[in-house]
Structure formats: structure tokens, C-alpha cells
């Protein structure tokens, strides 16, 4: 069998709605799409490049990630992979952590990760040989998803699965939230040079209408406050603001998430 890493694969960001990204992976002939909340943008790209849709991958059940699936299935007879525990009717191949997943047409092997918290059944896909992480709404550039169906402890445990990945892992998030998240990150660490530099770099990208994503796991660990809830400077800052009463990392995460929910 040929090495799965031998094929040349490309990842394309397809903007949808106001700030979603649908990720398309292709080898020039076959493609998979991840979280197609909108069908037309996917179909336009597939037809423009004469690509055959080999699979649809879903991370969780929210409408802006799955609404395009029924329309795509009217045009393409393709399997739909998605979380076992998130009640998505269109899923034909339910997945959970440890489920084997190989997209044969692309030679793409993916590891499925259970990362509950945003929704109870949220999953992520990690291409180990290529170090690509498709994390849906659990992790954003300099941020994380809302705790809609989880606890701080659950979110922390899920995010820890991401930070355990290699630093050069490319992080493909599902929304363009990076600049607003960096603004919030500077409230937490106003003197963090990595956050300040990332704000400059990503502002320049957005000025040119370029995505700020993918980022890297190393960059997230240096600039994402929700991955830095154990850092002394973060704990001191939250204490000084009266948002926590002791240097408890779970309380720190919860306080930042609650603040971010109302932050503008």
C-alpha cells in the first residue's frame, strides 16, 4: 500500500455566511468538505475545479455547520461522517473517539477526537501524518467556543487534547473570529508580546481580505487565553479584576468564558 502522505493534498477555505469557513480538502480530482453549512459555495467550487465530492465531514450539529448537507446530497451520492452523540439525521457514518476513518479517494487518514463542551457530541478530526486539526467550534483563533452543553472542566479536558498535539499542527477553525478574540486576549494579557504581534500580523491579513487561519498550535498556546488559564500572569490579572478569588485554573477558565460571552 502506498504511503498515505504521498498524495499532494490542498486545503481551501470557503467563506460562508458572515464569518464561517467551510474547509475543502482535495487532490485535484476528489474532495471532502468539512462542516458545509452552505451548499452553493461548495458546489460552485467543486464545479469550477471539476472535483468529485467523496465525503462530507461534520463536527457538530449546529445549523451553520450542517444546513448545506441536504442540498449537497441531491447532487452527490456521498457518505456523511459525523458525531455519534450529536443527533444529526444526515449522518450515515457515526463516529466517536477511536473510530477508524480513511478517505480512500484522497489517501487521507484521520483520527477522531471526542471534544464535548460546545455541544455534548462535538468531535474533531486530526490528520496525524499531515498535522492538520479540523476543530469545528471548539477552538478558534485566540479563542474557544461557548460552553453551550458543557462545564469548564469538560471544556478544559477537551482543549487539552488539542494542546497535546505537536506545536506545528495547523489549526483549521470554523469561524473568522481571530481579531475580536485577540482584542479580548489583550484584556487578559495587555503586555503579552506574542498577542501584540499576532494582532499586527492578523490585522494585516484581514486588511487584505485574507483568512487569519489556519493558525498553529504553538501560536495558540502563546496567544489564546483559554489555553493559558494556568499562566501566572493570567491568574494575577483575573485576581486583580476581582473575577476569581484564588488562583484556581478552572475558575480562571470559567471567568474568562463568562466575560467573553458578554464582551464587545
C-alpha atoms as a PDB file:
ATOM      1  CA  UNK A   1       0.000   0.000   0.000  1.00  0.00           C
ATOM      2  CA  UNK A   2       1.267   3.490  -0.851  1.00  0.00           C
ATOM      3  CA  UNK A   3       2.165   5.827   1.989  1.00  0.00           C
ATOM      4  CA  UNK A   4      -0.921   7.921   2.735  1.00  0.00           C
ATOM      5  CA  UNK A   5       1.270  11.006   2.998  1.00  0.00           C
ATOM      6  CA  UNK A   6       2.489  10.675  -0.604  1.00  0.00           C
ATOM      7  CA  UNK A   7      -0.520  12.334  -2.234  1.00  0.00           C
ATOM      8  CA  UNK A   8      -0.448  16.070  -2.682  1.00  0.00           C
ATOM      9  CA  UNK A   9      -3.483  17.473  -0.888  1.00  0.00           C
ATOM     10  CA  UNK A  10      -4.700  21.041  -0.770  1.00  0.00           C
ATOM     11  CA  UNK A  11      -6.886  22.701   1.868  1.00  0.00           C
ATOM     12  CA  UNK A  12      -9.091  25.590   0.755  1.00  0.00           C
ATOM     13  CA  UNK A  13     -11.127  27.935   2.932  1.00  0.00           C
ATOM     14  CA  UNK A  14     -14.605  28.545   1.515  1.00  0.00           C
ATOM     15  CA  UNK A  15     -16.152  31.584   3.257  1.00  0.00           C
ATOM     16  CA  UNK A  16     -19.837  31.171   4.110  1.00  0.00           C
ATOM     17  CA  UNK A  17     -22.440  33.309   5.870  1.00  0.00           C
ATOM     18  CA  UNK A  18     -20.842  36.196   7.790  1.00  0.00           C
ATOM     19  CA  UNK A  19     -17.793  34.514   9.265  1.00  0.00           C
ATOM     20  CA  UNK A  20     -17.880  30.723   8.710  1.00  0.00           C
ATOM     21  CA  UNK A  21     -15.216  28.751   6.917  1.00  0.00           C
ATOM     22  CA  UNK A  22     -16.082  25.516   5.151  1.00  0.00           C
ATOM     23  CA  UNK A  23     -12.842  23.598   4.674  1.00  0.00           C
ATOM     24  CA  UNK A  24     -12.348  21.703   1.424  1.00  0.00           C
ATOM     25  CA  UNK A  25      -9.555  19.153   1.059  1.00  0.00           C
ATOM     26  CA  UNK A  26      -8.722  17.908  -2.441  1.00  0.00           C
ATOM     27  CA  UNK A  27      -6.123  16.101  -4.525  1.00  0.00           C
ATOM     28  CA  UNK A  28      -7.083  17.747  -7.798  1.00  0.00           C
ATOM     29  CA  UNK A  29      -9.686  15.090  -8.572  1.00  0.00           C
ATOM     30  CA  UNK A  30     -11.509  14.152  -5.375  1.00  0.00           C
ATOM     31  CA  UNK A  31     -12.551  16.312  -2.432  1.00  0.00           C
ATOM     32  CA  UNK A  32     -14.055  16.229   1.039  1.00  0.00           C
ATOM     33  CA  UNK A  33     -15.756  19.132   2.770  1.00  0.00           C
ATOM     34  CA  UNK A  34     -15.921  19.818   6.478  1.00  0.00           C
ATOM     35  CA  UNK A  35     -18.968  21.477   8.058  1.00  0.00           C
ATOM     36  CA  UNK A  36     -20.788  22.641   4.903  1.00  0.00           C
ATOM     37  CA  UNK A  37     -23.339  24.993   6.405  1.00  0.00           C
ATOM     38  CA  UNK A  38     -23.981  26.382   2.938  1.00  0.00           C
ATOM     39  CA  UNK A  39     -24.235  24.206  -0.172  1.00  0.00           C
ATOM     40  CA  UNK A  40     -23.894  26.716  -3.016  1.00  0.00           C
ATOM     41  CA  UNK A  41     -20.375  27.849  -2.183  1.00  0.00           C
ATOM     42  CA  UNK A  42     -19.253  24.217  -2.071  1.00  0.00           C
ATOM     43  CA  UNK A  43     -20.976  23.263  -5.314  1.00  0.00           C
ATOM     44  CA  UNK A  44     -19.547  26.296  -7.080  1.00  0.00           C
ATOM     45  CA  UNK A  45     -16.006  25.343  -6.040  1.00  0.00           C
ATOM     46  CA  UNK A  46     -16.450  21.684  -6.939  1.00  0.00           C
ATOM     47  CA  UNK A  47     -17.810  22.502 -10.392  1.00  0.00           C
ATOM     48  CA  UNK A  48     -15.245  25.222 -11.076  1.00  0.00           C
ATOM     49  CA  UNK A  49     -12.414  22.805 -10.366  1.00  0.00           C
ATOM     50  CA  UNK A  50     -14.128  19.656 -11.690  1.00  0.00           C
ATOM     51  CA  UNK A  51     -13.811  17.911  -8.342  1.00  0.00           C
ATOM     52  CA  UNK A  52     -15.771  14.853  -7.271  1.00  0.00           C
ATOM     53  CA  UNK A  53     -17.159  15.014  -3.722  1.00  0.00           C
ATOM     54  CA  UNK A  54     -16.015  11.881  -1.897  1.00  0.00           C
ATOM     55  CA  UNK A  55     -17.201  12.614   1.654  1.00  0.00           C
ATOM     56  CA  UNK A  56     -18.800  15.147   3.960  1.00  0.00           C
ATOM     57  CA  UNK A  57     -17.378  15.500   7.472  1.00  0.00           C
ATOM     58  CA  UNK A  58     -19.303  17.168  10.295  1.00  0.00           C
ATOM     59  CA  UNK A  59     -18.023  18.248  13.704  1.00  0.00           C
ATOM     60  CA  UNK A  60     -21.314  19.073  15.433  1.00  0.00           C
ATOM     61  CA  UNK A  61     -24.992  19.662  14.857  1.00  0.00           C
ATOM     62  CA  UNK A  62     -25.395  23.446  14.672  1.00  0.00           C
ATOM     63  CA  UNK A  63     -27.198  24.715  11.595  1.00  0.00           C
ATOM     64  CA  UNK A  64     -24.360  26.859  10.276  1.00  0.00           C
ATOM     65  CA  UNK A  65     -22.290  23.672  10.018  1.00  0.00           C
ATOM     66  CA  UNK A  66     -24.816  21.217   8.576  1.00  0.00           C
ATOM     67  CA  UNK A  67     -27.528  23.141   6.690  1.00  0.00           C
ATOM     68  CA  UNK A  68     -25.915  22.622   3.302  1.00  0.00           C
ATOM     69  CA  UNK A  69     -25.814  18.839   3.601  1.00  0.00           C
ATOM     70  CA  UNK A  70     -29.292  18.005   2.215  1.00  0.00           C
ATOM     71  CA  UNK A  71     -28.694  20.109  -0.900  1.00  0.00           C
ATOM     72  CA  UNK A  72     -25.278  18.558  -1.484  1.00  0.00           C
ATOM     73  CA  UNK A  73     -26.773  15.083  -1.207  1.00  0.00           C
ATOM     74  CA  UNK A  74     -29.206  15.855  -4.023  1.00  0.00           C
ATOM     75  CA  UNK A  75     -26.206  16.393  -6.300  1.00  0.00           C
ATOM     76  CA  UNK A  76     -23.647  13.972  -4.883  1.00  0.00           C
ATOM     77  CA  UNK A  77     -24.086  10.411  -3.619  1.00  0.00           C
ATOM     78  CA  UNK A  78     -21.543  10.577  -0.838  1.00  0.00           C
ATOM     79  CA  UNK A  79     -21.151   9.334   2.744  1.00  0.00           C
ATOM     80  CA  UNK A  80     -21.689  11.757   5.614  1.00  0.00           C
ATOM     81  CA  UNK A  81     -19.425  11.289   8.621  1.00  0.00           C
ATOM     82  CA  UNK A  82     -20.263  12.968  11.906  1.00  0.00           C
ATOM     83  CA  UNK A  83     -20.555  12.693  15.666  1.00  0.00           C
ATOM     84  CA  UNK A  84     -22.314   9.665  17.088  1.00  0.00           C
ATOM     85  CA  UNK A  85     -23.725  11.644  20.001  1.00  0.00           C
ATOM     86  CA  UNK A  86     -24.968  14.852  18.390  1.00  0.00           C
ATOM     87  CA  UNK A  87     -28.227  13.692  16.770  1.00  0.00           C
ATOM     88  CA  UNK A  88     -27.585  14.687  13.146  1.00  0.00           C
ATOM     89  CA  UNK A  89     -30.110  12.940  10.890  1.00  0.00           C
ATOM     90  CA  UNK A  90     -27.948  13.189   7.766  1.00  0.00           C
ATOM     91  CA  UNK A  91     -25.009  11.275   9.267  1.00  0.00           C
ATOM     92  CA  UNK A  92     -24.562   7.885   7.604  1.00  0.00           C
ATOM     93  CA  UNK A  93     -21.311   7.007   9.375  1.00  0.00           C
ATOM     94  CA  UNK A  94     -21.460   7.958  13.079  1.00  0.00           C
ATOM     95  CA  UNK A  95     -18.094   8.491  14.714  1.00  0.00           C
ATOM     96  CA  UNK A  96     -16.623   8.677  18.185  1.00  0.00           C
ATOM     97  CA  UNK A  97     -13.109   8.770  19.565  1.00  0.00           C
ATOM     98  CA  UNK A  98     -11.194   5.795  18.267  1.00  0.00           C
ATOM     99  CA  UNK A  99     -13.388   5.309  15.193  1.00  0.00           C
ATOM    100  CA  UNK A 100     -11.219   4.483  12.167  1.00  0.00           C
ATOM    101  CA  UNK A 101     -11.617   6.928   9.306  1.00  0.00           C
ATOM    102  CA  UNK A 102      -9.783   6.857   5.998  1.00  0.00           C
ATOM    103  CA  UNK A 103     -10.974   8.716   2.911  1.00  0.00           C
ATOM    104  CA  UNK A 104      -9.627   6.270   0.342  1.00  0.00           C
ATOM    105  CA  UNK A 105     -10.041   8.577  -2.663  1.00  0.00           C
ATOM    106  CA  UNK A 106      -7.667  11.070  -1.050  1.00  0.00           C
ATOM    107  CA  UNK A 107      -5.448   8.661   0.845  1.00  0.00           C
ATOM    108  CA  UNK A 108      -6.360  10.697   3.907  1.00  0.00           C
ATOM    109  CA  UNK A 109      -6.311   9.034   7.310  1.00  0.00           C
ATOM    110  CA  UNK A 110      -7.988  10.937  10.149  1.00  0.00           C
ATOM    111  CA  UNK A 111      -8.074  10.463  13.903  1.00  0.00           C
ATOM    112  CA  UNK A 112     -11.431  11.226  15.511  1.00  0.00           C
ATOM    113  CA  UNK A 113     -11.347  13.091  18.835  1.00  0.00           C
ATOM    114  CA  UNK A 114     -14.276  13.437  21.248  1.00  0.00           C
ATOM    115  CA  UNK A 115     -14.224  17.068  22.410  1.00  0.00           C
ATOM    116  CA  UNK A 116     -17.517  17.779  24.209  1.00  0.00           C
ATOM    117  CA  UNK A 117     -18.298  21.166  25.671  1.00  0.00           C
ATOM    118  CA  UNK A 118     -19.682  23.367  22.913  1.00  0.00           C
ATOM    119  CA  UNK A 119     -22.148  20.580  22.191  1.00  0.00           C
ATOM    120  CA  UNK A 120     -22.269  17.276  24.013  1.00  0.00           C
ATOM    121  CA  UNK A 121     -21.204  15.256  20.987  1.00  0.00           C
ATOM    122  CA  UNK A 122     -18.710  17.596  19.307  1.00  0.00           C
ATOM    123  CA  UNK A 123     -15.842  15.827  17.554  1.00  0.00           C
ATOM    124  CA  UNK A 124     -12.672  16.998  15.830  1.00  0.00           C
ATOM    125  CA  UNK A 125     -10.609  15.462  13.040  1.00  0.00           C
ATOM    126  CA  UNK A 126      -6.829  15.211  13.165  1.00  0.00           C
ATOM    127  CA  UNK A 127      -4.728  14.225  10.156  1.00  0.00           C
ATOM    128  CA  UNK A 128      -1.722  12.877  12.035  1.00  0.00           C
ATOM    129  CA  UNK A 129       0.563  12.408   9.033  1.00  0.00           C
ATOM    130  CA  UNK A 130      -0.031  15.978   7.877  1.00  0.00           C
ATOM    131  CA  UNK A 131      -0.579  17.606  11.284  1.00  0.00           C
ATOM    132  CA  UNK A 132      -3.886  19.187  10.367  1.00  0.00           C
ATOM    133  CA  UNK A 133      -6.567  19.750  13.000  1.00  0.00           C
ATOM    134  CA  UNK A 134     -10.162  20.486  11.994  1.00  0.00           C
ATOM    135  CA  UNK A 135     -11.705  21.567  15.270  1.00  0.00           C
ATOM    136  CA  UNK A 136     -15.119  22.993  14.387  1.00  0.00           C
ATOM    137  CA  UNK A 137     -16.306  25.400  17.073  1.00  0.00           C
ATOM    138  CA  UNK A 138     -14.268  24.061  19.988  1.00  0.00           C
ATOM    139  CA  UNK A 139     -11.160  26.122  19.294  1.00  0.00           C
ATOM    140  CA  UNK A 140     -10.898  29.439  17.466  1.00  0.00           C
ATOM    141  CA  UNK A 141      -8.005  31.686  16.613  1.00  0.00           C
ATOM    142  CA  UNK A 142      -7.150  33.103  20.073  1.00  0.00           C
ATOM    143  CA  UNK A 143     -10.459  31.839  21.471  1.00  0.00           C
ATOM    144  CA  UNK A 144     -12.778  28.909  22.066  1.00  0.00           C
ATOM    145  CA  UNK A 145     -16.432  28.057  21.607  1.00  0.00           C
ATOM    146  CA  UNK A 146     -19.165  28.895  24.063  1.00  0.00           C
ATOM    147  CA  UNK A 147     -19.903  26.304  26.746  1.00  0.00           C
ATOM    148  CA  UNK A 148     -23.386  25.530  25.487  1.00  0.00           C
ATOM    149  CA  UNK A 149     -23.608  21.960  26.764  1.00  0.00           C
ATOM    150  CA  UNK A 150     -20.545  21.508  28.914  1.00  0.00           C
ATOM    151  CA  UNK A 151     -18.788  22.506  32.096  1.00  0.00           C
ATOM    152  CA  UNK A 152     -15.490  24.346  32.491  1.00  0.00           C
ATOM    153  CA  UNK A 153     -13.859  21.065  33.461  1.00  0.00           C
ATOM    154  CA  UNK A 154     -15.190  19.419  30.298  1.00  0.00           C
ATOM    155  CA  UNK A 155     -14.012  22.258  28.080  1.00  0.00           C
ATOM    156  CA  UNK A 156     -10.567  22.270  29.667  1.00  0.00           C
ATOM    157  CA  UNK A 157     -10.224  18.499  29.164  1.00  0.00           C
ATOM    158  CA  UNK A 158     -11.308  18.763  25.536  1.00  0.00           C
ATOM    159  CA  UNK A 159      -8.960  21.641  24.764  1.00  0.00           C
ATOM    160  CA  UNK A 160      -6.130  19.743  26.456  1.00  0.00           C
ATOM    161  CA  UNK A 161      -6.429  17.109  23.732  1.00  0.00           C
ATOM    162  CA  UNK A 162      -5.587  19.826  21.231  1.00  0.00           C
ATOM    163  CA  UNK A 163      -2.650  21.267  23.172  1.00  0.00           C
ATOM    164  CA  UNK A 164      -1.165  17.769  23.415  1.00  0.00           C
ATOM    165  CA  UNK A 165      -0.738  17.774  19.629  1.00  0.00           C
ATOM    166  CA  UNK A 166       2.585  18.829  18.072  1.00  0.00           C
ATOM    167  CA  UNK A 167       3.294  22.557  18.095  1.00  0.00           C
ATOM    168  CA  UNK A 168       3.451  22.684  14.293  1.00  0.00           C
ATOM    169  CA  UNK A 169      -0.088  21.324  13.944  1.00  0.00           C
ATOM    170  CA  UNK A 170      -2.130  23.561  11.645  1.00  0.00           C
ATOM    171  CA  UNK A 171      -5.389  24.597  13.286  1.00  0.00           C
ATOM    172  CA  UNK A 172      -8.350  24.914  10.906  1.00  0.00           C
ATOM    173  CA  UNK A 173     -11.129  26.627  12.889  1.00  0.00           C
ATOM    174  CA  UNK A 174     -14.657  27.102  11.591  1.00  0.00           C
ATOM    175  CA  UNK A 175     -15.051  30.855  12.121  1.00  0.00           C
ATOM    176  CA  UNK A 176     -13.131  34.050  11.412  1.00  0.00           C
ATOM    177  CA  UNK A 177     -13.205  35.385  14.959  1.00  0.00           C
ATOM    178  CA  UNK A 178      -9.480  35.960  15.409  1.00  0.00           C
ATOM    179  CA  UNK A 179      -9.276  39.755  15.624  1.00  0.00           C
ATOM    180  CA  UNK A 180     -12.136  40.081  18.101  1.00  0.00           C
ATOM    181  CA  UNK A 181     -10.637  37.254  20.138  1.00  0.00           C
ATOM    182  CA  UNK A 182      -7.234  38.945  20.151  1.00  0.00           C
ATOM    183  CA  UNK A 183      -8.858  42.144  21.386  1.00  0.00           C
ATOM    184  CA  UNK A 184     -10.235  40.156  24.312  1.00  0.00           C
ATOM    185  CA  UNK A 185      -6.894  38.389  24.831  1.00  0.00           C
ATOM    186  CA  UNK A 186      -5.264  41.794  25.316  1.00  0.00           C
ATOM    187  CA  UNK A 187      -7.720  42.490  28.135  1.00  0.00           C
ATOM    188  CA  UNK A 188      -6.287  39.425  29.868  1.00  0.00           C
ATOM    189  CA  UNK A 189      -2.612  39.925  28.963  1.00  0.00           C
ATOM    190  CA  UNK A 190      -2.160  43.527  27.780  1.00  0.00           C
ATOM    191  CA  UNK A 191       1.640  43.242  27.719  1.00  0.00           C
ATOM    192  CA  UNK A 192       1.959  39.841  26.067  1.00  0.00           C
ATOM    193  CA  UNK A 193       4.282  40.478  23.098  1.00  0.00           C
ATOM    194  CA  UNK A 194       3.042  37.426  21.215  1.00  0.00           C
ATOM    195  CA  UNK A 195      -0.546  38.652  21.335  1.00  0.00           C
ATOM    196  CA  UNK A 196       0.507  42.134  20.265  1.00  0.00           C
ATOM    197  CA  UNK A 197       2.492  40.731  17.323  1.00  0.00           C
ATOM    198  CA  UNK A 198      -0.328  38.425  16.314  1.00  0.00           C
ATOM    199  CA  UNK A 199      -2.747  41.348  16.364  1.00  0.00           C
ATOM    200  CA  UNK A 200      -0.480  43.215  13.944  1.00  0.00           C
ATOM    201  CA  UNK A 201       0.025  40.199  11.687  1.00  0.00           C
ATOM    202  CA  UNK A 202      -3.610  39.134  11.557  1.00  0.00           C
ATOM    203  CA  UNK A 203      -4.890  42.691  11.152  1.00  0.00           C
ATOM    204  CA  UNK A 204      -2.693  42.974   8.068  1.00  0.00           C
ATOM    205  CA  UNK A 205      -4.164  39.726   6.712  1.00  0.00           C
ATOM    206  CA  UNK A 206      -7.727  40.934   7.215  1.00  0.00           C
ATOM    207  CA  UNK A 207      -6.883  44.286   5.598  1.00  0.00           C
ATOM    208  CA  UNK A 208      -6.013  42.230   2.512  1.00  0.00           C
ATOM    209  CA  UNK A 209      -9.212  40.138   2.903  1.00  0.00           C
ATOM    210  CA  UNK A 210      -7.121  37.077   3.711  1.00  0.00           C
ATOM    211  CA  UNK A 211      -8.080  34.459   6.326  1.00  0.00           C
ATOM    212  CA  UNK A 212      -6.211  34.523   9.608  1.00  0.00           C
ATOM    213  CA  UNK A 213      -6.476  30.725   9.579  1.00  0.00           C
ATOM    214  CA  UNK A 214      -5.041  28.202   9.815  1.00  0.00           C
ATOM    215  CA  UNK A 215      -3.001  29.109  12.828  1.00  0.00           C
ATOM    216  CA  UNK A 216      -0.614  26.741  14.588  1.00  0.00           C
ATOM    217  CA  UNK A 217      -0.902  25.027  17.925  1.00  0.00           C
ATOM    218  CA  UNK A 218       2.278  26.780  19.053  1.00  0.00           C
ATOM    219  CA  UNK A 219       0.741  30.166  18.270  1.00  0.00           C
ATOM    220  CA  UNK A 220      -2.487  29.284  20.064  1.00  0.00           C
ATOM    221  CA  UNK A 221      -0.599  28.236  23.181  1.00  0.00           C
ATOM    222  CA  UNK A 222       1.202  31.601  23.223  1.00  0.00           C
ATOM    223  CA  UNK A 223      -1.791  33.845  22.465  1.00  0.00           C
ATOM    224  CA  UNK A 224      -5.067  32.087  23.309  1.00  0.00           C
ATOM    225  CA  UNK A 225      -6.247  32.985  26.835  1.00  0.00           C
ATOM    226  CA  UNK A 226      -8.394  29.862  27.078  1.00  0.00           C
ATOM    227  CA  UNK A 227      -5.265  27.731  26.713  1.00  0.00           C
ATOM    228  CA  UNK A 228      -3.391  29.934  29.196  1.00  0.00           C
ATOM    229  CA  UNK A 229      -5.663  29.678  32.242  1.00  0.00           C
ATOM    230  CA  UNK A 230      -2.766  28.233  34.235  1.00  0.00           C
ATOM    231  CA  UNK A 231      -0.296  31.033  33.438  1.00  0.00           C
ATOM    232  CA  UNK A 232       0.723  33.166  36.459  1.00  0.00           C
ATOM    233  CA  UNK A 233       0.153  36.456  34.612  1.00  0.00           C
ATOM    234  CA  UNK A 234      -3.353  35.382  33.602  1.00  0.00           C
ATOM    235  CA  UNK A 235      -4.253  34.322  37.132  1.00  0.00           C
ATOM    236  CA  UNK A 236      -2.854  37.555  38.598  1.00  0.00           C
ATOM    237  CA  UNK A 237      -4.814  39.625  36.105  1.00  0.00           C
ATOM    238  CA  UNK A 238      -8.095  37.884  36.856  1.00  0.00           C
ATOM    239  CA  UNK A 239      -7.457  38.241  40.583  1.00  0.00           C
ATOM    240  CA  UNK A 240      -6.764  41.954  40.185  1.00  0.00           C
ATOM    241  CA  UNK A 241     -10.031  42.373  38.312  1.00  0.00           C
ATOM    242  CA  UNK A 242     -11.950  40.555  41.023  1.00  0.00           C
ATOM    243  CA  UNK A 243     -13.066  37.852  38.592  1.00  0.00           C
ATOM    244  CA  UNK A 244     -11.619  34.999  40.657  1.00  0.00           C
ATOM    245  CA  UNK A 245     -10.971  34.680  44.383  1.00  0.00           C
ATOM    246  CA  UNK A 246      -7.994  32.338  44.231  1.00  0.00           C
ATOM    247  CA  UNK A 247      -5.512  31.042  41.687  1.00  0.00           C
ATOM    248  CA  UNK A 248      -7.762  28.199  40.622  1.00  0.00           C
ATOM    249  CA  UNK A 249      -7.292  27.330  36.958  1.00  0.00           C
ATOM    250  CA  UNK A 250     -10.836  26.007  36.468  1.00  0.00           C
ATOM    251  CA  UNK A 251     -12.293  29.169  37.990  1.00  0.00           C
ATOM    252  CA  UNK A 252      -9.991  31.199  35.757  1.00  0.00           C
ATOM    253  CA  UNK A 253     -11.249  29.451  32.636  1.00  0.00           C
ATOM    254  CA  UNK A 254     -14.879  29.848  33.696  1.00  0.00           C
ATOM    255  CA  UNK A 255     -14.408  33.531  34.498  1.00  0.00           C
ATOM    256  CA  UNK A 256     -12.823  34.251  31.122  1.00  0.00           C
ATOM    257  CA  UNK A 257     -15.531  32.354  29.264  1.00  0.00           C
ATOM    258  CA  UNK A 258     -18.303  34.210  31.116  1.00  0.00           C
ATOM    259  CA  UNK A 259     -16.602  37.544  30.426  1.00  0.00           C
ATOM    260  CA  UNK A 260     -16.121  36.697  26.761  1.00  0.00           C
ATOM    261  CA  UNK A 261     -19.829  35.841  26.452  1.00  0.00           C
ATOM    262  CA  UNK A 262     -20.717  39.485  27.059  1.00  0.00           C
ATOM    263  CA  UNK A 263     -17.553  41.153  25.762  1.00  0.00           C
ATOM    264  CA  UNK A 264     -17.882  43.607  22.901  1.00  0.00           C
END
